Amino acid sequence: MGMYQRALARLSTMGGLRWALSKVLSPLDTRLKGTRFAPSTLGVDFPLCFLTTTGRKSGAKRTVPLFFVTAPNGSPAVVATNFGQENHPAWALNLDAHPNATLEIDGLSRSVVARRASNDEASALWPLFDGFWPGYEEYRKLAPRDIRVFVLE
């Protein structure tokens, strides 16, 4: 993990900064997608995908950048930490209401169907998430809710 990644991971575990990052990073990553300022062009080596869900209330398409890991069955998996905040992120609520989504990884898009990981699957996936983003362990301690893990098949 490079210096930028270590600094970002550390900042993401600090109280007020967690809230600020939850409001700033996702829109910024989405807006910079495909530009020379995108995380992938800045030497940031995070496994990043773009997930497009259907709004549960609006019906509008919503795209969010997320870290992902590869589940044992070969499917991508994402985790709805919301930086350890009190509420589930909107994209997770959208997936619960409308599991059909579009996933983009390395510029390649495909249709997926999301399902919540079983407890056993989630237990097997957490070490993979923790392996590249140390903040995830802190988010599990801080979040006053069960953090949802989704497998995208």
Protein backbone atom coordinates (compact mmCIF):
# COMPACT_ATOMS: atom_id res chain seq x y z
CA MET A 1 0.00 0.00 0.00
CA GLY A 2 1.42 3.34 -1.05
CA MET A 3 1.71 6.48 1.06
CA TYR A 4 -1.49 7.99 -0.38
CA GLN A 5 -3.45 4.80 0.30
CA ARG A 6 -2.13 4.53 3.87
CA ALA A 7 -3.03 8.14 4.59
CA LEU A 8 -6.52 7.75 3.16
CA ALA A 9 -7.09 4.51 5.07
CA ARG A 10 -6.02 6.20 8.32
CA LEU A 11 -8.17 9.29 7.73
CA SER A 12 -11.20 7.11 6.96
CA THR A 13 -11.23 5.77 10.52
CA MET A 14 -11.31 9.18 12.25
CA GLY A 15 -14.71 10.28 13.58
CA GLY A 16 -15.72 13.48 11.77
CA LEU A 17 -13.56 12.65 8.79
CA ARG A 18 -15.43 9.37 8.27
CA TRP A 19 -18.62 11.37 7.79
CA ALA A 20 -16.93 13.88 5.47
CA LEU A 21 -15.32 11.14 3.38
CA SER A 22 -18.67 9.36 3.09
CA LYS A 23 -20.10 12.54 1.52
CA VAL A 24 -17.10 13.48 -0.65
CA LEU A 25 -15.22 10.40 -1.88
CA SER A 26 -18.01 8.60 -3.69
CA PRO A 27 -19.21 11.58 -5.77
CA LEU A 28 -15.61 12.58 -6.46
CA ASP A 29 -14.59 9.09 -7.62
CA THR A 30 -17.66 8.87 -9.84
CA ARG A 31 -17.04 12.30 -11.35
CA LEU A 32 -13.33 11.59 -12.00
CA LYS A 33 -14.01 8.20 -13.61
CA GLY A 34 -12.19 7.99 -16.93
CA THR A 35 -10.10 11.13 -16.38
CA ARG A 36 -6.41 11.50 -15.66
CA PHE A 37 -7.35 12.33 -12.06
CA ALA A 38 -9.21 9.06 -11.46
CA PRO A 39 -7.83 6.97 -8.57
CA SER A 40 -6.53 4.33 -10.98
CA THR A 41 -4.31 6.92 -12.70
CA LEU A 42 -2.91 8.31 -9.45
CA GLY A 43 -1.07 5.14 -8.45
CA VAL A 44 -3.87 4.03 -6.16
CA ASP A 45 -4.09 0.27 -6.24
CA PHE A 46 -7.55 -0.32 -4.78
CA PRO A 47 -9.83 -2.94 -6.34
CA LEU A 48 -12.42 -0.42 -7.54
CA CYS A 49 -15.67 -1.08 -9.37
CA PHE A 50 -18.63 1.07 -10.35
CA LEU A 51 -22.03 -0.33 -9.39
CA THR A 52 -25.19 1.07 -10.98
CA THR A 53 -28.37 0.37 -9.05
CA THR A 54 -31.98 1.39 -9.54
CA GLY A 55 -33.29 3.82 -6.93
CA ARG A 56 -35.83 2.12 -4.69
CA LYS A 57 -37.97 5.28 -4.50
CA SER A 58 -37.07 7.26 -7.62
CA GLY A 59 -36.45 4.44 -10.08
CA ALA A 60 -33.46 6.46 -11.32
CA LYS A 61 -30.13 4.84 -12.11
CA ARG A 62 -27.45 5.59 -9.49
CA THR A 63 -23.74 4.79 -9.90
CA VAL A 64 -21.36 4.47 -6.97
CA PRO A 65 -17.68 3.53 -6.81
CA LEU A 66 -17.01 0.64 -4.43
CA PHE A 67 -14.14 -1.54 -3.40
CA PHE A 68 -14.68 -5.19 -4.22
CA VAL A 69 -13.17 -8.59 -3.61
CA THR A 70 -13.59 -11.85 -5.47
CA ALA A 71 -15.76 -14.35 -3.61
CA PRO A 72 -14.76 -18.04 -3.57
CA ASN A 73 -17.34 -18.72 -6.32
CA GLY A 74 -15.50 -16.20 -8.57
CA SER A 75 -18.14 -13.46 -8.31
CA PRO A 76 -17.32 -9.93 -7.15
CA ALA A 77 -18.48 -9.03 -3.64
CA VAL A 78 -19.03 -5.59 -2.12
CA VAL A 79 -19.60 -4.46 1.43
CA ALA A 80 -22.03 -1.77 2.62
CA THR A 81 -19.96 -0.20 5.42
CA ASN A 82 -20.89 3.44 4.73
CA PHE A 83 -17.68 4.31 6.64
CA GLY A 84 -19.22 2.84 9.83
CA GLN A 85 -22.06 5.36 9.82
CA GLU A 86 -25.39 4.69 11.50
CA ASN A 87 -27.37 4.12 8.30
CA HIS A 88 -26.97 1.67 5.48
CA PRO A 89 -25.75 3.31 2.27
CA ALA A 90 -28.51 4.04 -0.25
CA TRP A 91 -27.01 1.70 -2.83
CA ALA A 92 -27.43 -1.26 -0.45
CA LEU A 93 -31.08 -0.40 0.14
CA ASN A 94 -31.48 -0.09 -3.63
CA LEU A 95 -30.01 -3.57 -4.15
CA ASP A 96 -32.38 -5.03 -1.58
CA ALA A 97 -35.32 -3.51 -3.47
CA HIS A 98 -33.98 -4.10 -7.02
CA PRO A 99 -31.19 -6.71 -7.12
CA ASN A 100 -30.56 -6.35 -10.88
CA ALA A 101 -27.66 -3.98 -11.40
CA THR A 102 -24.76 -3.13 -13.71
CA LEU A 103 -21.18 -3.64 -12.62
CA GLU A 104 -18.15 -2.04 -14.27
CA ILE A 105 -14.63 -3.26 -13.55
CA ASP A 106 -11.62 -2.00 -15.53
CA GLY A 107 -13.91 -0.40 -18.12
CA LEU A 108 -15.88 -3.61 -18.77
CA SER A 109 -19.58 -3.55 -17.88
CA ARG A 110 -21.89 -6.47 -17.24
CA SER A 111 -25.30 -7.12 -15.77
CA VAL A 112 -25.36 -8.70 -12.34
CA VAL A 113 -27.90 -9.88 -9.81
CA ALA A 114 -27.03 -9.02 -6.23
CA ARG A 115 -27.74 -11.22 -3.27
CA ARG A 116 -26.80 -10.86 0.35
CA ALA A 117 -23.95 -13.10 1.36
CA SER A 118 -24.76 -15.82 3.87
CA ASN A 119 -23.16 -15.49 7.30
CA ASP A 120 -20.56 -18.11 6.34
CA GLU A 121 -19.78 -16.34 3.06
CA ALA A 122 -19.49 -12.96 4.79
CA SER A 123 -17.16 -14.44 7.41
CA ALA A 124 -14.93 -15.79 4.63
CA LEU A 125 -14.98 -12.45 2.75
CA TRP A 126 -14.17 -10.09 5.64
CA PRO A 127 -10.46 -11.02 5.79
CA LEU A 128 -10.21 -10.25 2.06
CA PHE A 129 -11.74 -6.80 2.57
CA ASP A 130 -9.60 -6.15 5.66
CA GLY A 131 -6.50 -7.18 3.71
CA PHE A 132 -6.52 -4.06 1.53
CA TRP A 133 -8.53 -1.56 3.59
CA PRO A 134 -7.73 -1.54 7.33
CA GLY A 135 -10.67 0.79 7.98
CA TYR A 136 -13.19 -2.00 7.45
CA GLU A 137 -12.39 -3.59 10.80
CA GLU A 138 -12.92 -0.23 12.49
CA TYR A 139 -16.20 0.31 10.64
CA ARG A 140 -17.54 -3.03 11.94
CA LYS A 141 -16.77 -1.92 15.49
CA LEU A 142 -18.35 1.51 15.04
CA ALA A 143 -21.47 0.72 13.02
CA PRO A 144 -24.56 0.26 15.22
CA ARG A 145 -25.98 -2.16 12.63
CA ASP A 146 -25.16 -5.34 10.77
CA ILE A 147 -23.02 -4.45 7.78
CA ARG A 148 -24.37 -6.07 4.64
CA VAL A 149 -22.14 -7.97 2.24
CA PHE A 150 -23.41 -8.55 -1.31
CA VAL A 151 -22.28 -11.08 -3.88
CA LEU A 152 -22.80 -9.89 -7.47
CA GLU A 153 -23.54 -12.80 -9.78
